Amino acid sequence: MNLSKRGEYAIRVLLDLAMAEKLGRTIVPVASLAQAQGIPVAFLEQILLSLRQGGFLASTRGKHGGYSLARSAARIRLGDVLCYLEGPLVNVGCVQPGSEKCRCPDPKYCGLKILMGEVEGALAGVLERHTLESLAALTLERFVRDDLVPAVARRAGEPGADRISGEKGTGQAEPEYLI
């Protein structure tokens, strides 16, 4: 599988939106998403449009507008997103059902076809097993372990905005730092 920059950014932005939603921020402006991932806004807008057209994102216009997940993160499988954006998981023509690209002398007994079919099955299994929700939970668990807040959920310029506990010494998360 070859993951393009477009596919990589798309997964990272979807992950940011899922984490922001878990932290109470349901709509995230494009500028916040671009800043959190270091993605040029113009390129990100193309990716977001594609994800919206694919039914993964919803957009809200206006002063408090931005993007949100179009459906529950538990219902967005990473394999679906990647197949939508990148095409087949294994780009070997003979593995694709009904493909006319097979150049095997005897496809029924081709070792490469057997191997690539197994690779595709393993990769598809991993990507189908993971939802955006499971990846967001795993990622947030690491942020919490290190007492950090994901960049997309921070308020720029606020002291302690990168820490869950803030700098006030309370040990408690300050709500304004999380949304």
N, C-alpha and C. Protein backbone atom coordinates (compact mmCIF):
# COMPACT_ATOMS: atom_id res chain seq x y z
N MET A 1 0.84 -1.17 0.00
CA MET A 1 0.00 0.00 0.00
C MET A 1 0.88 1.23 0.00
N ASN A 2 0.54 2.20 -0.80
CA ASN A 2 1.28 3.45 -0.86
C ASN A 2 0.35 4.56 -0.38
N LEU A 3 0.65 5.12 0.78
CA LEU A 3 -0.19 6.17 1.36
C LEU A 3 0.33 7.52 0.90
N SER A 4 -0.48 8.24 0.14
CA SER A 4 -0.09 9.55 -0.36
C SER A 4 -0.16 10.58 0.77
N LYS A 5 0.43 11.75 0.54
CA LYS A 5 0.33 12.84 1.51
C LYS A 5 -1.14 13.20 1.74
N ARG A 6 -1.91 13.17 0.67
CA ARG A 6 -3.35 13.47 0.76
C ARG A 6 -4.04 12.49 1.71
N GLY A 7 -3.76 11.22 1.56
CA GLY A 7 -4.35 10.20 2.42
C GLY A 7 -3.87 10.32 3.86
N GLU A 8 -2.59 10.59 4.03
CA GLU A 8 -2.03 10.77 5.37
C GLU A 8 -2.68 11.96 6.07
N TYR A 9 -2.76 13.10 5.38
CA TYR A 9 -3.38 14.28 5.98
C TYR A 9 -4.85 14.03 6.28
N ALA A 10 -5.54 13.34 5.41
CA ALA A 10 -6.96 13.07 5.62
C ALA A 10 -7.18 12.27 6.90
N ILE A 11 -6.40 11.22 7.10
CA ILE A 11 -6.53 10.41 8.30
C ILE A 11 -6.19 11.23 9.54
N ARG A 12 -5.13 12.03 9.47
CA ARG A 12 -4.75 12.85 10.62
C ARG A 12 -5.83 13.88 10.97
N VAL A 13 -6.44 14.48 9.95
CA VAL A 13 -7.49 15.48 10.21
C VAL A 13 -8.74 14.81 10.77
N LEU A 14 -9.11 13.66 10.23
CA LEU A 14 -10.26 12.92 10.78
C LEU A 14 -9.98 12.54 12.23
N LEU A 15 -8.76 12.13 12.51
CA LEU A 15 -8.39 11.79 13.88
C LEU A 15 -8.48 13.01 14.79
N ASP A 16 -8.00 14.16 14.30
CA ASP A 16 -8.12 15.40 15.07
C ASP A 16 -9.58 15.72 15.38
N LEU A 17 -10.44 15.57 14.39
CA LEU A 17 -11.86 15.87 14.59
C LEU A 17 -12.50 14.91 15.59
N ALA A 18 -12.10 13.63 15.53
CA ALA A 18 -12.64 12.65 16.47
C ALA A 18 -12.17 12.96 17.89
N MET A 19 -10.90 13.34 18.05
CA MET A 19 -10.40 13.68 19.40
C MET A 19 -11.03 14.96 19.91
N ALA A 20 -11.16 15.95 19.03
CA ALA A 20 -11.79 17.21 19.44
C ALA A 20 -13.23 16.96 19.89
N GLU A 21 -13.92 16.09 19.17
CA GLU A 21 -15.31 15.76 19.55
C GLU A 21 -15.35 15.10 20.92
N LYS A 22 -14.43 14.18 21.19
CA LYS A 22 -14.38 13.53 22.50
C LYS A 22 -14.10 14.54 23.62
N LEU A 23 -13.42 15.62 23.27
CA LEU A 23 -13.09 16.65 24.26
C LEU A 23 -14.10 17.78 24.28
N GLY A 24 -15.22 17.60 23.56
CA GLY A 24 -16.31 18.57 23.61
C GLY A 24 -16.30 19.64 22.54
N ARG A 25 -15.42 19.57 21.59
CA ARG A 25 -15.35 20.55 20.50
C ARG A 25 -15.87 19.89 19.23
N THR A 26 -17.16 20.06 18.94
CA THR A 26 -17.78 19.33 17.84
C THR A 26 -17.54 19.93 16.47
N ILE A 27 -17.32 21.24 16.40
CA ILE A 27 -17.05 21.90 15.12
C ILE A 27 -15.68 22.56 15.23
N VAL A 28 -14.82 22.27 14.26
CA VAL A 28 -13.46 22.81 14.29
C VAL A 28 -13.22 23.60 13.01
N PRO A 29 -12.79 24.86 13.13
CA PRO A 29 -12.51 25.68 11.95
C PRO A 29 -11.34 25.11 11.13
N VAL A 30 -11.37 25.37 9.83
CA VAL A 30 -10.33 24.90 8.93
C VAL A 30 -8.96 25.39 9.40
N ALA A 31 -8.87 26.64 9.81
CA ALA A 31 -7.58 27.20 10.24
C ALA A 31 -7.00 26.42 11.43
N SER A 32 -7.85 26.00 12.36
CA SER A 32 -7.38 25.23 13.51
C SER A 32 -6.86 23.86 13.08
N LEU A 33 -7.57 23.23 12.14
CA LEU A 33 -7.14 21.93 11.63
C LEU A 33 -5.80 22.06 10.91
N ALA A 34 -5.69 23.08 10.07
CA ALA A 34 -4.46 23.29 9.30
C ALA A 34 -3.29 23.56 10.24
N GLN A 35 -3.50 24.39 11.24
CA GLN A 35 -2.44 24.74 12.18
C GLN A 35 -2.03 23.52 13.01
N ALA A 36 -2.99 22.74 13.46
CA ALA A 36 -2.70 21.58 14.30
C ALA A 36 -1.81 20.57 13.59
N GLN A 37 -1.99 20.44 12.27
CA GLN A 37 -1.23 19.45 11.52
C GLN A 37 -0.13 20.03 10.65
N GLY A 38 -0.05 21.35 10.59
CA GLY A 38 0.97 21.96 9.74
C GLY A 38 0.71 21.71 8.26
N ILE A 39 -0.57 21.78 7.89
CA ILE A 39 -1.00 21.54 6.51
C ILE A 39 -1.38 22.87 5.88
N PRO A 40 -0.91 23.16 4.67
CA PRO A 40 -1.36 24.40 4.00
C PRO A 40 -2.89 24.41 3.86
N VAL A 41 -3.50 25.53 4.19
CA VAL A 41 -4.97 25.64 4.19
C VAL A 41 -5.56 25.28 2.82
N ALA A 42 -4.96 25.76 1.74
CA ALA A 42 -5.51 25.50 0.40
C ALA A 42 -5.54 23.99 0.10
N PHE A 43 -4.48 23.28 0.47
CA PHE A 43 -4.43 21.84 0.25
C PHE A 43 -5.43 21.13 1.16
N LEU A 44 -5.50 21.58 2.40
CA LEU A 44 -6.44 20.99 3.35
C LEU A 44 -7.88 21.16 2.88
N GLU A 45 -8.22 22.30 2.34
CA GLU A 45 -9.60 22.53 1.87
C GLU A 45 -9.98 21.53 0.78
N GLN A 46 -9.05 21.17 -0.08
CA GLN A 46 -9.32 20.16 -1.11
C GLN A 46 -9.59 18.79 -0.47
N ILE A 47 -8.81 18.46 0.52
CA ILE A 47 -8.98 17.18 1.23
C ILE A 47 -10.32 17.15 1.96
N LEU A 48 -10.64 18.24 2.64
CA LEU A 48 -11.89 18.32 3.39
C LEU A 48 -13.10 18.22 2.46
N LEU A 49 -13.02 18.85 1.31
CA LEU A 49 -14.10 18.77 0.33
C LEU A 49 -14.30 17.33 -0.12
N SER A 50 -13.22 16.65 -0.40
CA SER A 50 -13.30 15.25 -0.81
C SER A 50 -13.91 14.38 0.29
N LEU A 51 -13.48 14.61 1.54
CA LEU A 51 -14.03 13.83 2.66
C LEU A 51 -15.50 14.14 2.89
N ARG A 52 -15.89 15.38 2.64
CA ARG A 52 -17.31 15.75 2.76
C ARG A 52 -18.12 15.06 1.66
N GLN A 53 -17.59 15.06 0.45
CA GLN A 53 -18.28 14.41 -0.66
C GLN A 53 -18.38 12.90 -0.44
N GLY A 54 -17.41 12.34 0.27
CA GLY A 54 -17.42 10.91 0.58
C GLY A 54 -18.31 10.55 1.75
N GLY A 55 -18.91 11.55 2.39
CA GLY A 55 -19.82 11.29 3.50
C GLY A 55 -19.14 11.12 4.85
N PHE A 56 -17.87 11.49 4.94
CA PHE A 56 -17.15 11.36 6.21
C PHE A 56 -17.23 12.62 7.06
N LEU A 57 -17.39 13.78 6.41
CA LEU A 57 -17.43 15.05 7.12
C LEU A 57 -18.69 15.83 6.81
N ALA A 58 -19.04 16.71 7.73
CA ALA A 58 -20.11 17.69 7.52
C ALA A 58 -19.47 19.06 7.73
N SER A 59 -20.00 20.05 7.03
CA SER A 59 -19.46 21.40 7.19
C SER A 59 -20.55 22.34 7.68
N THR A 60 -20.14 23.34 8.43
CA THR A 60 -21.04 24.36 8.95
C THR A 60 -20.46 25.71 8.54
N ARG A 61 -21.29 26.53 7.91
CA ARG A 61 -20.85 27.85 7.48
C ARG A 61 -21.04 28.88 8.58
N GLY A 62 -20.39 30.01 8.41
CA GLY A 62 -20.61 31.13 9.32
C GLY A 62 -19.44 31.38 10.23
N LYS A 63 -19.64 32.38 11.07
CA LYS A 63 -18.60 32.83 11.99
C LYS A 63 -18.08 31.71 12.88
N HIS A 64 -18.96 30.85 13.34
CA HIS A 64 -18.56 29.75 14.21
C HIS A 64 -18.58 28.43 13.45
N GLY A 65 -18.35 28.51 12.15
CA GLY A 65 -18.39 27.33 11.29
C GLY A 65 -17.09 26.55 11.29
N GLY A 66 -17.14 25.47 10.57
CA GLY A 66 -15.99 24.60 10.44
C GLY A 66 -16.43 23.22 10.02
N TYR A 67 -15.68 22.23 10.42
CA TYR A 67 -15.97 20.85 10.04
C TYR A 67 -16.21 19.99 11.27
N SER A 68 -17.02 18.95 11.05
CA SER A 68 -17.29 17.96 12.08
C SER A 68 -17.44 16.62 11.38
N LEU A 69 -17.43 15.56 12.15
CA LEU A 69 -17.65 14.23 11.57
C LEU A 69 -19.11 14.13 11.13
N ALA A 70 -19.33 13.52 9.98
CA ALA A 70 -20.69 13.39 9.45
C ALA A 70 -21.46 12.28 10.16
N ARG A 71 -20.75 11.37 10.77
CA ARG A 71 -21.39 10.29 11.53
C ARG A 71 -20.46 9.93 12.69
N SER A 72 -20.92 9.09 13.53
CA SER A 72 -20.16 8.69 14.71
C SER A 72 -18.79 8.14 14.31
N ALA A 73 -17.78 8.49 15.09
CA ALA A 73 -16.42 7.99 14.83
C ALA A 73 -16.39 6.47 14.90
N ALA A 74 -17.29 5.87 15.65
CA ALA A 74 -17.36 4.41 15.76
C ALA A 74 -17.83 3.78 14.45
N ARG A 75 -18.47 4.57 13.60
CA ARG A 75 -18.99 4.04 12.33
C ARG A 75 -18.09 4.39 11.14
N ILE A 76 -16.94 4.99 11.40
CA ILE A 76 -16.00 5.32 10.32
C ILE A 76 -14.80 4.38 10.43
N ARG A 77 -14.75 3.45 9.51
CA ARG A 77 -13.64 2.49 9.48
C ARG A 77 -12.50 3.08 8.66
N LEU A 78 -11.28 2.93 9.17
CA LEU A 78 -10.13 3.49 8.48
C LEU A 78 -9.94 2.88 7.10
N GLY A 79 -10.29 1.62 6.96
CA GLY A 79 -10.20 0.97 5.65
C GLY A 79 -11.12 1.62 4.63
N ASP A 80 -12.31 2.03 5.06
CA ASP A 80 -13.25 2.70 4.16
C ASP A 80 -12.70 4.04 3.69
N VAL A 81 -12.10 4.78 4.62
CA VAL A 81 -11.55 6.09 4.29
C VAL A 81 -10.40 5.92 3.29
N LEU A 82 -9.49 5.01 3.59
CA LEU A 82 -8.33 4.83 2.72
C LEU A 82 -8.71 4.29 1.35
N CYS A 83 -9.64 3.36 1.30
CA CYS A 83 -10.09 2.85 -0.01
C CYS A 83 -10.77 3.96 -0.81
N TYR A 84 -11.54 4.81 -0.14
CA TYR A 84 -12.19 5.92 -0.82
C TYR A 84 -11.16 6.88 -1.40
N LEU A 85 -10.14 7.21 -0.61
CA LEU A 85 -9.16 8.19 -1.04
C LEU A 85 -8.06 7.62 -1.93
N GLU A 86 -7.60 6.43 -1.62
CA GLU A 86 -6.40 5.88 -2.26
C GLU A 86 -6.67 4.77 -3.27
N GLY A 87 -7.87 4.20 -3.25
CA GLY A 87 -8.12 3.09 -4.15
C GLY A 87 -7.77 1.77 -3.48
N PRO A 88 -7.46 0.74 -4.27
CA PRO A 88 -7.19 -0.59 -3.72
C PRO A 88 -6.03 -0.58 -2.72
N LEU A 89 -6.14 -1.43 -1.69
CA LEU A 89 -5.12 -1.49 -0.66
C LEU A 89 -3.80 -2.03 -1.20
N VAL A 90 -3.85 -3.02 -2.04
CA VAL A 90 -2.66 -3.58 -2.67
C VAL A 90 -2.78 -3.30 -4.15
N ASN A 91 -1.84 -2.54 -4.65
CA ASN A 91 -1.93 -2.12 -6.05
C ASN A 91 -1.22 -3.10 -6.98
N VAL A 92 -1.65 -4.35 -6.93
CA VAL A 92 -1.16 -5.37 -7.84
C VAL A 92 -2.39 -5.84 -8.62
N GLY A 93 -2.38 -5.57 -9.91
CA GLY A 93 -3.55 -5.80 -10.75
C GLY A 93 -4.17 -7.17 -10.65
N CYS A 94 -3.34 -8.20 -10.55
CA CYS A 94 -3.90 -9.56 -10.57
C CYS A 94 -4.67 -9.90 -9.30
N VAL A 95 -4.48 -9.13 -8.25
CA VAL A 95 -5.18 -9.40 -6.98
C VAL A 95 -6.60 -8.84 -7.01
N GLN A 96 -6.82 -7.80 -7.78
CA GLN A 96 -8.13 -7.16 -7.84
C GLN A 96 -9.14 -8.05 -8.56
N PRO A 97 -10.32 -8.25 -7.96
CA PRO A 97 -11.34 -9.09 -8.59
C PRO A 97 -11.73 -8.54 -9.97
N GLY A 98 -11.77 -9.42 -10.95
CA GLY A 98 -12.19 -9.04 -12.30
C GLY A 98 -11.18 -8.20 -13.04
N SER A 99 -9.95 -8.15 -12.54
CA SER A 99 -8.93 -7.32 -13.17
C SER A 99 -8.45 -7.93 -14.48
N GLU A 100 -8.25 -7.05 -15.44
CA GLU A 100 -7.70 -7.49 -16.72
C GLU A 100 -6.20 -7.22 -16.77
N LYS A 101 -5.63 -6.77 -15.66
CA LYS A 101 -4.21 -6.44 -15.60
C LYS A 101 -3.33 -7.64 -15.25
N CYS A 102 -3.92 -8.77 -15.00
CA CYS A 102 -3.16 -9.95 -14.61
C CYS A 102 -2.31 -10.43 -15.79
N ARG A 103 -1.01 -10.54 -15.53
CA ARG A 103 -0.10 -11.01 -16.58
C ARG A 103 0.52 -12.36 -16.20
N CYS A 104 -0.06 -13.00 -15.22
CA CYS A 104 0.45 -14.30 -14.78
C CYS A 104 0.25 -15.33 -15.89
N PRO A 105 1.25 -16.15 -16.13
CA PRO A 105 1.07 -17.20 -17.14
C PRO A 105 -0.03 -18.19 -16.74
N ASP A 106 -0.15 -18.45 -15.46
CA ASP A 106 -1.19 -19.36 -14.97
C ASP A 106 -1.71 -18.80 -13.64
N PRO A 107 -2.70 -17.87 -13.69
CA PRO A 107 -3.16 -17.17 -12.48
C PRO A 107 -3.58 -18.07 -11.33
N LYS A 108 -4.06 -19.25 -11.64
CA LYS A 108 -4.52 -20.17 -10.60
C LYS A 108 -3.37 -20.64 -9.71
N TYR A 109 -2.15 -20.70 -10.28
CA TYR A 109 -1.01 -21.21 -9.55
C TYR A 109 0.12 -20.19 -9.39
N CYS A 110 -0.20 -18.92 -9.52
CA CYS A 110 0.82 -17.88 -9.41
C CYS A 110 1.13 -17.58 -7.94
N GLY A 111 2.37 -17.81 -7.55
CA GLY A 111 2.79 -17.57 -6.17
C GLY A 111 2.69 -16.10 -5.77
N LEU A 112 3.02 -15.21 -6.71
CA LEU A 112 2.93 -13.78 -6.41
C LEU A 112 1.48 -13.38 -6.14
N LYS A 113 0.56 -13.91 -6.93
CA LYS A 113 -0.85 -13.59 -6.73
C LYS A 113 -1.33 -14.12 -5.37
N ILE A 114 -0.89 -15.31 -5.02
CA ILE A 114 -1.26 -15.89 -3.72
C ILE A 114 -0.71 -15.03 -2.59
N LEU A 115 0.56 -14.65 -2.69
CA LEU A 115 1.19 -13.82 -1.67
C LEU A 115 0.52 -12.46 -1.54
N MET A 116 0.29 -11.78 -2.64
CA MET A 116 -0.31 -10.45 -2.60
C MET A 116 -1.76 -10.50 -2.12
N GLY A 117 -2.46 -11.58 -2.41
CA GLY A 117 -3.81 -11.77 -1.88
C GLY A 117 -3.79 -11.88 -0.37
N GLU A 118 -2.77 -12.57 0.16
CA GLU A 118 -2.63 -12.71 1.61
C GLU A 118 -2.25 -11.37 2.25
N VAL A 119 -1.36 -10.61 1.61
CA VAL A 119 -0.97 -9.30 2.11
C VAL A 119 -2.18 -8.38 2.15
N GLU A 120 -2.95 -8.37 1.08
CA GLU A 120 -4.14 -7.53 1.03
C GLU A 120 -5.13 -7.91 2.11
N GLY A 121 -5.31 -9.20 2.33
CA GLY A 121 -6.24 -9.66 3.37
C GLY A 121 -5.81 -9.23 4.76
N ALA A 122 -4.50 -9.32 5.04
CA ALA A 122 -3.99 -8.91 6.36
C ALA A 122 -4.15 -7.41 6.55
N LEU A 123 -3.79 -6.64 5.54
CA LEU A 123 -3.91 -5.19 5.64
C LEU A 123 -5.38 -4.76 5.79
N ALA A 124 -6.25 -5.37 4.99
CA ALA A 124 -7.67 -5.05 5.08
C ALA A 124 -8.22 -5.40 6.46
N GLY A 125 -7.76 -6.52 7.03
CA GLY A 125 -8.21 -6.92 8.37
C GLY A 125 -7.87 -5.89 9.43
N VAL A 126 -6.65 -5.38 9.39
CA VAL A 126 -6.22 -4.37 10.36
C VAL A 126 -7.03 -3.09 10.17
N LEU A 127 -7.17 -2.63 8.94
CA LEU A 127 -7.88 -1.38 8.68
C LEU A 127 -9.39 -1.49 8.92
N GLU A 128 -9.95 -2.67 8.77
CA GLU A 128 -11.38 -2.85 9.06
C GLU A 128 -11.62 -2.99 10.55
N ARG A 129 -10.63 -3.49 11.27
CA ARG A 129 -10.78 -3.66 12.72
C ARG A 129 -10.74 -2.31 13.44
N HIS A 130 -10.01 -1.36 12.88
CA HIS A 130 -9.88 -0.06 13.53
C HIS A 130 -10.86 0.95 12.98
N THR A 131 -11.56 1.57 13.91
CA THR A 131 -12.45 2.67 13.55
C THR A 131 -11.75 3.97 13.97
N LEU A 132 -12.30 5.05 13.51
CA LEU A 132 -11.78 6.35 13.91
C LEU A 132 -11.88 6.51 15.43
N GLU A 133 -12.94 5.97 16.01
CA GLU A 133 -13.12 6.04 17.47
C GLU A 133 -12.03 5.27 18.20
N SER A 134 -11.70 4.07 17.73
CA SER A 134 -10.68 3.28 18.42
C SER A 134 -9.30 3.94 18.30
N LEU A 135 -9.01 4.51 17.14
CA LEU A 135 -7.73 5.20 16.96
C LEU A 135 -7.68 6.49 17.80
N ALA A 136 -8.79 7.21 17.87
CA ALA A 136 -8.84 8.43 18.68
C ALA A 136 -8.67 8.08 20.17
N ALA A 137 -9.29 7.01 20.63
CA ALA A 137 -9.17 6.61 22.03
C ALA A 137 -7.73 6.23 22.36
N LEU A 138 -7.09 5.49 21.47
CA LEU A 138 -5.70 5.10 21.66
C LEU A 138 -4.79 6.32 21.69
N THR A 139 -5.02 7.25 20.79
CA THR A 139 -4.20 8.46 20.70
C THR A 139 -4.42 9.35 21.92
N LEU A 140 -5.68 9.55 22.30
CA LEU A 140 -5.98 10.38 23.49
C LEU A 140 -5.39 9.77 24.76
N GLU A 141 -5.39 8.45 24.83
CA GLU A 141 -4.81 7.78 25.99
C GLU A 141 -3.34 8.16 26.15
N ARG A 142 -2.64 8.27 25.05
CA ARG A 142 -1.22 8.66 25.10
C ARG A 142 -1.06 10.13 25.48
N PHE A 143 -1.94 10.99 24.97
CA PHE A 143 -1.89 12.40 25.36
C PHE A 143 -2.12 12.53 26.86
N VAL A 144 -3.15 11.84 27.38
CA VAL A 144 -3.48 11.92 28.81
C VAL A 144 -2.32 11.37 29.64
N ARG A 145 -1.75 10.27 29.19
CA ARG A 145 -0.61 9.69 29.92
C ARG A 145 0.51 10.71 30.09
N ASP A 146 0.73 11.52 29.05
CA ASP A 146 1.80 12.52 29.08
C ASP A 146 1.31 13.90 29.51
N ASP A 147 0.06 13.98 30.03
CA ASP A 147 -0.52 15.23 30.53
C ASP A 147 -0.56 16.32 29.45
N LEU A 148 -0.87 15.94 28.22
CA LEU A 148 -0.94 16.88 27.11
C LEU A 148 -2.34 16.93 26.50
N VAL A 149 -2.61 18.01 25.80
CA VAL A 149 -3.88 18.19 25.08
C VAL A 149 -3.53 18.19 23.59
N PRO A 150 -4.29 17.49 22.75
CA PRO A 150 -4.02 17.53 21.31
C PRO A 150 -4.06 18.96 20.79
N ALA A 151 -3.21 19.26 19.83
CA ALA A 151 -3.11 20.62 19.29
C ALA A 151 -4.45 21.16 18.83
N VAL A 152 -5.29 20.34 18.22
CA VAL A 152 -6.57 20.80 17.70
C VAL A 152 -7.54 21.22 18.80
N ALA A 153 -7.30 20.78 20.02
CA ALA A 153 -8.19 21.11 21.14
C ALA A 153 -7.65 22.24 22.01
N ARG A 154 -6.50 22.80 21.65
CA ARG A 154 -5.90 23.86 22.45
C ARG A 154 -6.41 25.24 22.04
N ARG A 155 -6.30 26.17 22.97
CA ARG A 155 -6.53 27.58 22.68
C ARG A 155 -5.17 28.24 22.58
N ALA A 156 -4.88 28.78 21.42
CA ALA A 156 -3.57 29.41 21.18
C ALA A 156 -3.33 30.55 22.15
N GLY A 157 -2.11 30.61 22.64
CA GLY A 157 -1.71 31.73 23.48
C GLY A 157 -2.09 31.62 24.94
N GLU A 158 -2.88 30.64 25.31
CA GLU A 158 -3.28 30.48 26.71
C GLU A 158 -2.16 29.77 27.47
N PRO A 159 -1.76 30.28 28.63
CA PRO A 159 -0.74 29.58 29.41
C PRO A 159 -1.25 28.20 29.84
N GLY A 160 -0.43 27.22 29.65
CA GLY A 160 -0.81 25.87 30.04
C GLY A 160 -1.78 25.19 29.09
N ALA A 161 -2.03 25.77 27.93
CA ALA A 161 -3.02 25.21 27.00
C ALA A 161 -2.58 23.89 26.41
N ASP A 162 -1.29 23.57 26.50
CA ASP A 162 -0.82 22.29 25.97
C ASP A 162 -0.85 21.19 27.03
N ARG A 163 -1.17 21.54 28.26
CA ARG A 163 -1.21 20.58 29.37
C ARG A 163 -2.64 20.38 29.84
N ILE A 164 -2.98 19.17 30.17
CA ILE A 164 -4.31 18.88 30.70
C ILE A 164 -4.49 19.56 32.05
N SER A 165 -3.46 19.50 32.88
CA SER A 165 -3.56 20.06 34.22
C SER A 165 -3.36 21.56 34.26
N GLY A 166 -2.97 22.19 33.16
CA GLY A 166 -2.74 23.62 33.13
C GLY A 166 -1.56 24.00 33.99
N GLU A 167 -1.34 25.29 34.22
CA GLU A 167 -0.22 25.74 35.03
C GLU A 167 -0.67 26.29 36.38
N LYS A 168 -1.93 26.11 36.71
CA LYS A 168 -2.46 26.70 37.94
C LYS A 168 -2.22 25.81 39.15
N GLY A 169 -1.69 24.61 38.93
CA GLY A 169 -1.37 23.75 40.05
C GLY A 169 -2.55 23.04 40.66
N THR A 170 -3.70 23.06 40.03
CA THR A 170 -4.88 22.40 40.60
C THR A 170 -4.88 20.91 40.34
N GLY A 171 -4.15 20.50 39.27
CA GLY A 171 -4.18 19.08 38.91
C GLY A 171 -5.45 18.69 38.19
N GLN A 172 -6.38 19.62 38.05
CA GLN A 172 -7.63 19.35 37.35
C GLN A 172 -7.60 20.00 35.97
N ALA A 173 -8.25 19.38 35.01
CA ALA A 173 -8.34 19.97 33.69
C ALA A 173 -9.24 21.20 33.73
N GLU A 174 -8.77 22.26 33.16
CA GLU A 174 -9.54 23.49 33.07
C GLU A 174 -10.38 23.43 31.79
N PRO A 175 -11.69 23.54 31.86
CA PRO A 175 -12.53 23.40 30.68
C PRO A 175 -12.14 24.32 29.52
N GLU A 176 -11.70 25.54 29.80
CA GLU A 176 -11.38 26.44 28.71
C GLU A 176 -10.16 25.96 27.92
N TYR A 177 -9.33 25.12 28.53
CA TYR A 177 -8.17 24.61 27.82
C TYR A 177 -8.52 23.44 26.90
N LEU A 178 -9.62 22.84 27.13
CA LEU A 178 -9.99 21.67 26.35
C LEU A 178 -10.87 21.97 25.15
N ILE A 179 -11.42 23.14 25.06
CA ILE A 179 -12.28 23.45 23.93
C ILE A 179 -11.87 24.75 23.27
